[in-house]
Amino acid sequence: QIVKEIEEGLPRKEAMRMHGMSYKSLDVWMSQYGSPEYQAGKRRTYSPTQKRSILRAVESGMTLKEVQIAYGLKSTSLIRGWLREIKKKNADIAVIIHRP
């Protein structure tokens, strides 16, 4: 019943409060008993290879919106976050290389 309520739109925090559940217990229940439709809407993970491919598309001149559509991403903010990560890693590597 709780899983069904959440799938129908009840916020998780409200369900936890109403039923005295912990976040972890509710998370496990949703993973085990959630419908296939609910599971399909969960956050998708990307392998390093997929990320590189997506970032190469941006480097080749595609706009973030074009990349989002081409790769079926939910938003461009994910791509922006990856770009920030890459810039930071590259900056850290540059500092290490240029240290006397």
PDB file of N, CA and C in Angstrom:
ATOM      1  N   GLN A   1       0.830  -1.188   0.000  1.00  0.00           N
ATOM      2  CA  GLN A   1       0.000   0.000   0.000  1.00  0.00           C
ATOM      3  C   GLN A   1       0.881   1.261   0.000  1.00  0.00           C
ATOM      4  N   ILE A   2       1.941   1.279   0.789  1.00  0.00           N
ATOM      5  CA  ILE A   2       2.826   2.447   0.863  1.00  0.00           C
ATOM      6  C   ILE A   2       3.502   2.692  -0.484  1.00  0.00           C
ATOM      7  N   VAL A   3       3.991   1.637  -1.104  1.00  0.00           N
ATOM      8  CA  VAL A   3       4.644   1.759  -2.405  1.00  0.00           C
ATOM      9  C   VAL A   3       3.661   2.335  -3.411  1.00  0.00           C
ATOM     10  N   LYS A   4       2.428   1.844  -3.394  1.00  0.00           N
ATOM     11  CA  LYS A   4       1.395   2.335  -4.315  1.00  0.00           C
ATOM     12  C   LYS A   4       1.126   3.823  -4.079  1.00  0.00           C
ATOM     13  N   GLU A   5       1.065   4.238  -2.806  1.00  0.00           N
ATOM     14  CA  GLU A   5       0.822   5.651  -2.490  1.00  0.00           C
ATOM     15  C   GLU A   5       1.931   6.535  -3.057  1.00  0.00           C
ATOM     16  N   ILE A   6       3.157   6.097  -2.929  1.00  0.00           N
ATOM     17  CA  ILE A   6       4.288   6.885  -3.439  1.00  0.00           C
ATOM     18  C   ILE A   6       4.254   6.933  -4.958  1.00  0.00           C
ATOM     19  N   GLU A   7       3.959   5.817  -5.585  1.00  0.00           N
ATOM     20  CA  GLU A   7       3.869   5.800  -7.043  1.00  0.00           C
ATOM     21  C   GLU A   7       2.745   6.714  -7.538  1.00  0.00           C
ATOM     22  N   GLU A   8       1.736   6.916  -6.719  1.00  0.00           N
ATOM     23  CA  GLU A   8       0.621   7.784  -7.096  1.00  0.00           C
ATOM     24  C   GLU A   8       0.884   9.248  -6.757  1.00  0.00           C
ATOM     25  N   GLY A   9       2.061   9.543  -6.183  1.00  0.00           N
ATOM     26  CA  GLY A   9       2.428  10.932  -5.968  1.00  0.00           C
ATOM     27  C   GLY A   9       2.667  11.377  -4.544  1.00  0.00           C
ATOM     28  N   LEU A  10       2.457  10.532  -3.567  1.00  0.00           N
ATOM     29  CA  LEU A  10       2.729  10.909  -2.178  1.00  0.00           C
ATOM     30  C   LEU A  10       4.231  11.120  -2.005  1.00  0.00           C
ATOM     31  N   PRO A  11       4.655  12.281  -1.497  1.00  0.00           N
ATOM     32  CA  PRO A  11       6.090  12.496  -1.289  1.00  0.00           C
ATOM     33  C   PRO A  11       6.665  11.483  -0.292  1.00  0.00           C
ATOM     34  N   ARG A  12       7.882  11.056  -0.537  1.00  0.00           N
ATOM     35  CA  ARG A  12       8.525  10.069   0.332  1.00  0.00           C
ATOM     36  C   ARG A  12       8.597  10.544   1.780  1.00  0.00           C
ATOM     37  N   LYS A  13       8.934  11.816   1.980  1.00  0.00           N
ATOM     38  CA  LYS A  13       9.033  12.333   3.357  1.00  0.00           C
ATOM     39  C   LYS A  13       7.699  12.204   4.080  1.00  0.00           C
ATOM     40  N   GLU A  14       6.620  12.473   3.373  1.00  0.00           N
ATOM     41  CA  GLU A  14       5.291  12.367   3.970  1.00  0.00           C
ATOM     42  C   GLU A  14       4.985  10.903   4.310  1.00  0.00           C
ATOM     43  N   ALA A  15       5.328   9.990   3.416  1.00  0.00           N
ATOM     44  CA  ALA A  15       5.098   8.559   3.666  1.00  0.00           C
ATOM     45  C   ALA A  15       5.903   8.093   4.877  1.00  0.00           C
ATOM     46  N   MET A  16       7.150   8.535   4.982  1.00  0.00           N
ATOM     47  CA  MET A  16       7.987   8.146   6.118  1.00  0.00           C
ATOM     48  C   MET A  16       7.393   8.664   7.425  1.00  0.00           C
ATOM     49  N   ARG A  17       6.901   9.899   7.399  1.00  0.00           N
ATOM     50  CA  ARG A  17       6.306  10.485   8.596  1.00  0.00           C
ATOM     51  C   ARG A  17       5.018   9.745   8.969  1.00  0.00           C
ATOM     52  N   MET A  18       4.156   9.508   7.989  1.00  0.00           N
ATOM     53  CA  MET A  18       2.857   8.872   8.248  1.00  0.00           C
ATOM     54  C   MET A  18       3.003   7.438   8.766  1.00  0.00           C
ATOM     55  N   HIS A  19       3.981   6.723   8.239  1.00  0.00           N
ATOM     56  CA  HIS A  19       4.109   5.296   8.553  1.00  0.00           C
ATOM     57  C   HIS A  19       5.278   4.984   9.482  1.00  0.00           C
ATOM     58  N   GLY A  20       5.980   6.010   9.951  1.00  0.00           N
ATOM     59  CA  GLY A  20       7.086   5.801  10.886  1.00  0.00           C
ATOM     60  C   GLY A  20       8.211   4.971  10.302  1.00  0.00           C
ATOM     61  N   MET A  21       8.540   5.226   9.041  1.00  0.00           N
ATOM     62  CA  MET A  21       9.573   4.451   8.364  1.00  0.00           C
ATOM     63  C   MET A  21      10.853   5.261   8.226  1.00  0.00           C
ATOM     64  N   SER A  22      11.961   4.552   8.125  1.00  0.00           N
ATOM     65  CA  SER A  22      13.234   5.221   7.840  1.00  0.00           C
ATOM     66  C   SER A  22      13.374   5.366   6.322  1.00  0.00           C
ATOM     67  N   TYR A  23      14.258   6.263   5.918  1.00  0.00           N
ATOM     68  CA  TYR A  23      14.509   6.470   4.494  1.00  0.00           C
ATOM     69  C   TYR A  23      15.005   5.180   3.841  1.00  0.00           C
ATOM     70  N   LYS A  24      15.941   4.508   4.512  1.00  0.00           N
ATOM     71  CA  LYS A  24      16.544   3.297   3.951  1.00  0.00           C
ATOM     72  C   LYS A  24      15.506   2.194   3.762  1.00  0.00           C
ATOM     73  N   SER A  25      14.627   2.009   4.739  1.00  0.00           N
ATOM     74  CA  SER A  25      13.589   0.976   4.611  1.00  0.00           C
ATOM     75  C   SER A  25      12.681   1.270   3.425  1.00  0.00           C
ATOM     76  N   LEU A  26      12.280   2.526   3.316  1.00  0.00           N
ATOM     77  CA  LEU A  26      11.407   2.905   2.209  1.00  0.00           C
ATOM     78  C   LEU A  26      12.121   2.726   0.876  1.00  0.00           C
ATOM     79  N   ASP A  27      13.387   3.078   0.820  1.00  0.00           N
ATOM     80  CA  ASP A  27      14.172   2.926  -0.402  1.00  0.00           C
ATOM     81  C   ASP A  27      14.243   1.461  -0.823  1.00  0.00           C
ATOM     82  N   VAL A  28      14.472   0.579   0.149  1.00  0.00           N
ATOM     83  CA  VAL A  28      14.529  -0.856  -0.147  1.00  0.00           C
ATOM     84  C   VAL A  28      13.174  -1.344  -0.661  1.00  0.00           C
ATOM     85  N   TRP A  29      12.096  -0.921  -0.017  1.00  0.00           N
ATOM     86  CA  TRP A  29      10.754  -1.328  -0.453  1.00  0.00           C
ATOM     87  C   TRP A  29      10.479  -0.869  -1.880  1.00  0.00           C
ATOM     88  N   MET A  30      10.850   0.382  -2.179  1.00  0.00           N
ATOM     89  CA  MET A  30      10.591   0.912  -3.524  1.00  0.00           C
ATOM     90  C   MET A  30      11.404   0.144  -4.563  1.00  0.00           C
ATOM     91  N   SER A  31      12.629  -0.227  -4.213  1.00  0.00           N
ATOM     92  CA  SER A  31      13.461  -0.998  -5.138  1.00  0.00           C
ATOM     93  C   SER A  31      12.897  -2.398  -5.367  1.00  0.00           C
ATOM     94  N   GLN A  32      12.407  -3.032  -4.287  1.00  0.00           N
ATOM     95  CA  GLN A  32      11.921  -4.404  -4.389  1.00  0.00           C
ATOM     96  C   GLN A  32      10.508  -4.504  -4.945  1.00  0.00           C
ATOM     97  N   TYR A  33       9.640  -3.575  -4.551  1.00  0.00           N
ATOM     98  CA  TYR A  33       8.217  -3.728  -4.869  1.00  0.00           C
ATOM     99  C   TYR A  33       7.669  -2.675  -5.831  1.00  0.00           C
ATOM    100  N   GLY A  34       8.505  -1.719  -6.246  1.00  0.00           N
ATOM    101  CA  GLY A  34       8.045  -0.690  -7.174  1.00  0.00           C
ATOM    102  C   GLY A  34       7.715  -1.285  -8.530  1.00  0.00           C
ATOM    103  N   SER A  35       6.746  -0.694  -9.198  1.00  0.00           N
ATOM    104  CA  SER A  35       6.330  -1.178 -10.517  1.00  0.00           C
ATOM    105  C   SER A  35       7.441  -0.949 -11.547  1.00  0.00           C
ATOM    106  N   PRO A  36       7.405  -1.669 -12.652  1.00  0.00           N
ATOM    107  CA  PRO A  36       8.404  -1.449 -13.713  1.00  0.00           C
ATOM    108  C   PRO A  36       8.384  -0.005 -14.221  1.00  0.00           C
ATOM    109  N   GLU A  37       7.221   0.594 -14.267  1.00  0.00           N
ATOM    110  CA  GLU A  37       7.112   1.987 -14.717  1.00  0.00           C
ATOM    111  C   GLU A  37       7.845   2.917 -13.748  1.00  0.00           C
ATOM    112  N   TYR A  38       7.690   2.659 -12.446  1.00  0.00           N
ATOM    113  CA  TYR A  38       8.366   3.460 -11.432  1.00  0.00           C
ATOM    114  C   TYR A  38       9.881   3.273 -11.547  1.00  0.00           C
ATOM    115  N   GLN A  39      10.304   2.029 -11.693  1.00  0.00           N
ATOM    116  CA  GLN A  39      11.735   1.732 -11.800  1.00  0.00           C
ATOM    117  C   GLN A  39      12.348   2.402 -13.025  1.00  0.00           C
ATOM    118  N   ALA A  40      11.598   2.474 -14.120  1.00  0.00           N
ATOM    119  CA  ALA A  40      12.103   3.089 -15.348  1.00  0.00           C
ATOM    120  C   ALA A  40      12.328   4.587 -15.171  1.00  0.00           C
ATOM    121  N   GLY A  41      11.582   5.212 -14.273  1.00  0.00           N
ATOM    122  CA  GLY A  41      11.715   6.647 -14.053  1.00  0.00           C
ATOM    123  C   GLY A  41      12.819   7.027 -13.095  1.00  0.00           C
ATOM    124  N   LYS A  42      13.504   6.042 -12.531  1.00  0.00           N
ATOM    125  CA  LYS A  42      14.567   6.322 -11.569  1.00  0.00           C
ATOM    126  C   LYS A  42      15.778   6.928 -12.260  1.00  0.00           C
ATOM    127  N   ARG A  43      16.643   7.490 -11.463  1.00  0.00           N
ATOM    128  CA  ARG A  43      17.861   8.118 -11.965  1.00  0.00           C
ATOM    129  C   ARG A  43      18.699   7.101 -12.730  1.00  0.00           C
ATOM    130  N   ARG A  44      19.137   7.502 -13.884  1.00  0.00           N
ATOM    131  CA  ARG A  44      19.944   6.644 -14.729  1.00  0.00           C
ATOM    132  C   ARG A  44      21.419   6.892 -14.426  1.00  0.00           C
ATOM    133  N   THR A  45      22.230   5.868 -14.506  1.00  0.00           N
ATOM    134  CA  THR A  45      23.665   6.037 -14.306  1.00  0.00           C
ATOM    135  C   THR A  45      24.372   5.874 -15.650  1.00  0.00           C
ATOM    136  N   TYR A  46      25.514   6.516 -15.780  1.00  0.00           N
ATOM    137  CA  TYR A  46      26.261   6.508 -17.028  1.00  0.00           C
ATOM    138  C   TYR A  46      27.671   6.017 -16.773  1.00  0.00           C
ATOM    139  N   SER A  47      28.148   5.176 -17.653  1.00  0.00           N
ATOM    140  CA  SER A  47      29.516   4.665 -17.535  1.00  0.00           C
ATOM    141  C   SER A  47      30.494   5.763 -17.966  1.00  0.00           C
ATOM    142  N   PRO A  48      31.757   5.634 -17.589  1.00  0.00           N
ATOM    143  CA  PRO A  48      32.749   6.613 -18.047  1.00  0.00           C
ATOM    144  C   PRO A  48      32.804   6.717 -19.576  1.00  0.00           C
ATOM    145  N   THR A  49      32.620   5.605 -20.266  1.00  0.00           N
ATOM    146  CA  THR A  49      32.630   5.613 -21.725  1.00  0.00           C
ATOM    147  C   THR A  49      31.463   6.431 -22.269  1.00  0.00           C
ATOM    148  N   GLN A  50      30.276   6.259 -21.676  1.00  0.00           N
ATOM    149  CA  GLN A  50      29.111   7.030 -22.113  1.00  0.00           C
ATOM    150  C   GLN A  50      29.322   8.524 -21.863  1.00  0.00           C
ATOM    151  N   LYS A  51      29.874   8.859 -20.705  1.00  0.00           N
ATOM    152  CA  LYS A  51      30.139  10.268 -20.390  1.00  0.00           C
ATOM    153  C   LYS A  51      31.102  10.870 -21.397  1.00  0.00           C
ATOM    154  N   ARG A  52      32.198  10.147 -21.699  1.00  0.00           N
ATOM    155  CA  ARG A  52      33.166  10.654 -22.672  1.00  0.00           C
ATOM    156  C   ARG A  52      32.516  10.887 -24.030  1.00  0.00           C
ATOM    157  N   SER A  53      31.680   9.963 -24.443  1.00  0.00           N
ATOM    158  CA  SER A  53      30.997  10.093 -25.730  1.00  0.00           C
ATOM    159  C   SER A  53      30.106  11.332 -25.759  1.00  0.00           C
ATOM    160  N   ILE A  54      29.382  11.553 -24.683  1.00  0.00           N
ATOM    161  CA  ILE A  54      28.497  12.715 -24.586  1.00  0.00           C
ATOM    162  C   ILE A  54      29.326  14.002 -24.575  1.00  0.00           C
ATOM    163  N   LEU A  55      30.414  14.026 -23.815  1.00  0.00           N
ATOM    164  CA  LEU A  55      31.254  15.223 -23.745  1.00  0.00           C
ATOM    165  C   LEU A  55      31.960  15.496 -25.068  1.00  0.00           C
ATOM    166  N   ARG A  56      32.318  14.443 -25.795  1.00  0.00           N
ATOM    167  CA  ARG A  56      32.919  14.634 -27.118  1.00  0.00           C
ATOM    168  C   ARG A  56      31.922  15.283 -28.080  1.00  0.00           C
ATOM    169  N   ALA A  57      30.658  14.943 -27.933  1.00  0.00           N
ATOM    170  CA  ALA A  57      29.630  15.567 -28.778  1.00  0.00           C
ATOM    171  C   ALA A  57      29.575  17.071 -28.518  1.00  0.00           C
ATOM    172  N   VAL A  58      29.710  17.460 -27.259  1.00  0.00           N
ATOM    173  CA  VAL A  58      29.720  18.889 -26.919  1.00  0.00           C
ATOM    174  C   VAL A  58      30.969  19.541 -27.518  1.00  0.00           C
ATOM    175  N   GLU A  59      32.119  18.877 -27.372  1.00  0.00           N
ATOM    176  CA  GLU A  59      33.372  19.415 -27.906  1.00  0.00           C
ATOM    177  C   GLU A  59      33.335  19.551 -29.425  1.00  0.00           C
ATOM    178  N   SER A  60      32.550  18.692 -30.085  1.00  0.00           N
ATOM    179  CA  SER A  60      32.477  18.738 -31.548  1.00  0.00           C
ATOM    180  C   SER A  60      31.618  19.897 -32.054  1.00  0.00           C
ATOM    181  N   GLY A  61      30.941  20.583 -31.119  1.00  0.00           N
ATOM    182  CA  GLY A  61      30.174  21.763 -31.526  1.00  0.00           C
ATOM    183  C   GLY A  61      28.672  21.664 -31.323  1.00  0.00           C
ATOM    184  N   MET A  62      28.188  20.527 -30.870  1.00  0.00           N
ATOM    185  CA  MET A  62      26.749  20.412 -30.608  1.00  0.00           C
ATOM    186  C   MET A  62      26.395  21.269 -29.394  1.00  0.00           C
ATOM    187  N   THR A  63      25.193  21.839 -29.402  1.00  0.00           N
ATOM    188  CA  THR A  63      24.740  22.576 -28.231  1.00  0.00           C
ATOM    189  C   THR A  63      24.351  21.587 -27.143  1.00  0.00           C
ATOM    190  N   LEU A  64      24.274  22.063 -25.912  1.00  0.00           N
ATOM    191  CA  LEU A  64      23.874  21.183 -24.809  1.00  0.00           C
ATOM    192  C   LEU A  64      22.479  20.618 -25.066  1.00  0.00           C
ATOM    193  N   LYS A  65      21.581  21.428 -25.605  1.00  0.00           N
ATOM    194  CA  LYS A  65      20.216  20.969 -25.890  1.00  0.00           C
ATOM    195  C   LYS A  65      20.224  19.872 -26.954  1.00  0.00           C
ATOM    196  N   GLU A  66      21.054  20.043 -27.992  1.00  0.00           N
ATOM    197  CA  GLU A  66      21.149  19.017 -29.034  1.00  0.00           C
ATOM    198  C   GLU A  66      21.688  17.706 -28.470  1.00  0.00           C
ATOM    199  N   VAL A  67      22.688  17.802 -27.601  1.00  0.00           N
ATOM    200  CA  VAL A  67      23.262  16.605 -26.978  1.00  0.00           C
ATOM    201  C   VAL A  67      22.217  15.942 -26.077  1.00  0.00           C
ATOM    202  N   GLN A  68      21.487  16.753 -25.328  1.00  0.00           N
ATOM    203  CA  GLN A  68      20.445  16.213 -24.453  1.00  0.00           C
ATOM    204  C   GLN A  68      19.445  15.388 -25.258  1.00  0.00           C
ATOM    205  N   ILE A  69      18.994  15.929 -26.363  1.00  0.00           N
ATOM    206  CA  ILE A  69      18.008  15.233 -27.195  1.00  0.00           C
ATOM    207  C   ILE A  69      18.620  14.000 -27.844  1.00  0.00           C
ATOM    208  N   ALA A  70      19.829  14.153 -28.397  1.00  0.00           N
ATOM    209  CA  ALA A  70      20.479  13.046 -29.099  1.00  0.00           C
ATOM    210  C   ALA A  70      20.741  11.840 -28.198  1.00  0.00           C
ATOM    211  N   TYR A  71      21.080  12.102 -26.925  1.00  0.00           N
ATOM    212  CA  TYR A  71      21.423  11.011 -26.006  1.00  0.00           C
ATOM    213  C   TYR A  71      20.299  10.666 -25.027  1.00  0.00           C
ATOM    214  N   GLY A  72      19.153  11.323 -25.160  1.00  0.00           N
ATOM    215  CA  GLY A  72      18.003  11.014 -24.313  1.00  0.00           C
ATOM    216  C   GLY A  72      18.194  11.368 -22.853  1.00  0.00           C
ATOM    217  N   LEU A  73      18.889  12.477 -22.585  1.00  0.00           N
ATOM    218  CA  LEU A  73      19.108  12.914 -21.208  1.00  0.00           C
ATOM    219  C   LEU A  73      17.915  13.727 -20.730  1.00  0.00           C
ATOM    220  N   LYS A  74      17.675  13.717 -19.414  1.00  0.00           N
ATOM    221  CA  LYS A  74      16.529  14.445 -18.875  1.00  0.00           C
ATOM    222  C   LYS A  74      16.731  15.950 -18.895  1.00  0.00           C
ATOM    223  N   SER A  75      17.982  16.402 -18.715  1.00  0.00           N
ATOM    224  CA  SER A  75      18.241  17.840 -18.710  1.00  0.00           C
ATOM    225  C   SER A  75      19.685  18.114 -19.103  1.00  0.00           C
ATOM    226  N   THR A  76      19.947  19.385 -19.396  1.00  0.00           N
ATOM    227  CA  THR A  76      21.311  19.778 -19.740  1.00  0.00           C
ATOM    228  C   THR A  76      22.171  19.988 -18.501  1.00  0.00           C
ATOM    229  N   SER A  77      21.554  20.079 -17.334  1.00  0.00           N
ATOM    230  CA  SER A  77      22.331  20.318 -16.117  1.00  0.00           C
ATOM    231  C   SER A  77      23.291  19.160 -15.824  1.00  0.00           C
ATOM    232  N   LEU A  78      22.920  17.968 -16.203  1.00  0.00           N
ATOM    233  CA  LEU A  78      23.798  16.810 -16.020  1.00  0.00           C
ATOM    234  C   LEU A  78      25.089  17.008 -16.826  1.00  0.00           C
ATOM    235  N   ILE A  79      24.946  17.456 -18.061  1.00  0.00           N
ATOM    236  CA  ILE A  79      26.106  17.687 -18.924  1.00  0.00           C
ATOM    237  C   ILE A  79      26.972  18.804 -18.340  1.00  0.00           C
ATOM    238  N   ARG A  80      26.326  19.878 -17.881  1.00  0.00           N
ATOM    239  CA  ARG A  80      27.074  20.989 -17.284  1.00  0.00           C
ATOM    240  C   ARG A  80      27.901  20.517 -16.086  1.00  0.00           C
ATOM    241  N   GLY A  81      27.320  19.644 -15.274  1.00  0.00           N
ATOM    242  CA  GLY A  81      28.033  19.099 -14.120  1.00  0.00           C
ATOM    243  C   GLY A  81      29.249  18.297 -14.538  1.00  0.00           C
ATOM    244  N   TRP A  82      29.107  17.495 -15.580  1.00  0.00           N
ATOM    245  CA  TRP A  82      30.246  16.714 -16.081  1.00  0.00           C
ATOM    246  C   TRP A  82      31.331  17.629 -16.626  1.00  0.00           C
ATOM    247  N   LEU A  83      30.928  18.699 -17.312  1.00  0.00           N
ATOM    248  CA  LEU A  83      31.907  19.651 -17.838  1.00  0.00           C
ATOM    249  C   LEU A  83      32.681  20.314 -16.701  1.00  0.00           C
ATOM    250  N   ARG A  84      31.979  20.658 -15.609  1.00  0.00           N
ATOM    251  CA  ARG A  84      32.655  21.249 -14.444  1.00  0.00           C
ATOM    252  C   ARG A  84      33.653  20.263 -13.839  1.00  0.00           C
ATOM    253  N   GLU A  85      33.258  18.993 -13.735  1.00  0.00           N
ATOM    254  CA  GLU A  85      34.153  17.959 -13.194  1.00  0.00           C
ATOM    255  C   GLU A  85      35.428  17.859 -14.025  1.00  0.00           C
ATOM    256  N   ILE A  86      35.269  17.839 -15.335  1.00  0.00           N
ATOM    257  CA  ILE A  86      36.416  17.708 -16.241  1.00  0.00           C
ATOM    258  C   ILE A  86      37.338  18.915 -16.104  1.00  0.00           C
ATOM    259  N   LYS A  87      36.760  20.123 -16.041  1.00  0.00           N
ATOM    260  CA  LYS A  87      37.580  21.325 -15.886  1.00  0.00           C
ATOM    261  C   LYS A  87      38.380  21.270 -14.592  1.00  0.00           C
ATOM    262  N   LYS A  88      37.735  20.830 -13.514  1.00  0.00           N
ATOM    263  CA  LYS A  88      38.414  20.754 -12.223  1.00  0.00           C
ATOM    264  C   LYS A  88      39.544  19.721 -12.263  1.00  0.00           C
ATOM    265  N   LYS A  89      39.265  18.556 -12.840  1.00  0.00           N
ATOM    266  CA  LYS A  89      40.302  17.529 -12.945  1.00  0.00           C
ATOM    267  C   LYS A  89      41.486  18.026 -13.764  1.00  0.00           C
ATOM    268  N   ASN A  90      41.183  18.696 -14.877  1.00  0.00           N
ATOM    269  CA  ASN A  90      42.252  19.211 -15.730  1.00  0.00           C
ATOM    270  C   ASN A  90      43.053  20.289 -15.007  1.00  0.00           C
ATOM    271  N   ALA A  91      42.382  21.133 -14.227  1.00  0.00           N
ATOM    272  CA  ALA A  91      43.083  22.168 -13.463  1.00  0.00           C
ATOM    273  C   ALA A  91      43.981  21.531 -12.407  1.00  0.00           C
ATOM    274  N   ASP A  92      43.484  20.500 -11.733  1.00  0.00           N
ATOM    275  CA  ASP A  92      44.283  19.804 -10.725  1.00  0.00           C
ATOM    276  C   ASP A  92      45.511  19.149 -11.352  1.00  0.00           C
ATOM    277  N   ILE A  93      45.349  18.557 -12.531  1.00  0.00           N
ATOM    278  CA  ILE A  93      46.466  17.913 -13.219  1.00  0.00           C
ATOM    279  C   ILE A  93      47.491  18.953 -13.636  1.00  0.00           C
ATOM    280  N   ALA A  94      47.020  20.114 -14.120  1.00  0.00           N
ATOM    281  CA  ALA A  94      47.933  21.182 -14.530  1.00  0.00           C
ATOM    282  C   ALA A  94      48.776  21.662 -13.357  1.00  0.00           C
ATOM    283  N   VAL A  95      48.190  21.773 -12.183  1.00  0.00           N
ATOM    284  CA  VAL A  95      48.923  22.212 -10.984  1.00  0.00           C
ATOM    285  C   VAL A  95      50.003  21.189 -10.635  1.00  0.00           C
ATOM    286  N   ILE A  96      49.680  19.925 -10.698  1.00  0.00           N
ATOM    287  CA  ILE A  96      50.642  18.863 -10.375  1.00  0.00           C
ATOM    288  C   ILE A  96      51.791  18.863 -11.371  1.00  0.00           C
ATOM    289  N   ILE A  97      51.492  19.010 -12.660  1.00  0.00           N
ATOM    290  CA  ILE A  97      52.521  18.964 -13.693  1.00  0.00           C
ATOM    291  C   ILE A  97      53.460  20.159 -13.582  1.00  0.00           C
ATOM    292  N   HIS A  98      52.938  21.340 -13.266  1.00  0.00           N
ATOM    293  CA  HIS A  98      53.746  22.549 -13.247  1.00  0.00           C
ATOM    294  C   HIS A  98      54.434  22.832 -11.917  1.00  0.00           C
ATOM    295  N   ARG A  99      54.283  21.966 -10.956  1.00  0.00           N
ATOM    296  CA  ARG A  99      54.976  22.157  -9.667  1.00  0.00           C
ATOM    297  C   ARG A  99      56.471  21.982  -9.859  1.00  0.00           C
ATOM    298  N   PRO A 100      57.268  22.913  -9.331  1.00  0.00           N
ATOM    299  CA  PRO A 100      58.732  22.775  -9.466  1.00  0.00           C
ATOM    300  C   PRO A 100      59.294  21.689  -8.574  1.00  0.00           C
TER     301      PRO A 100
END
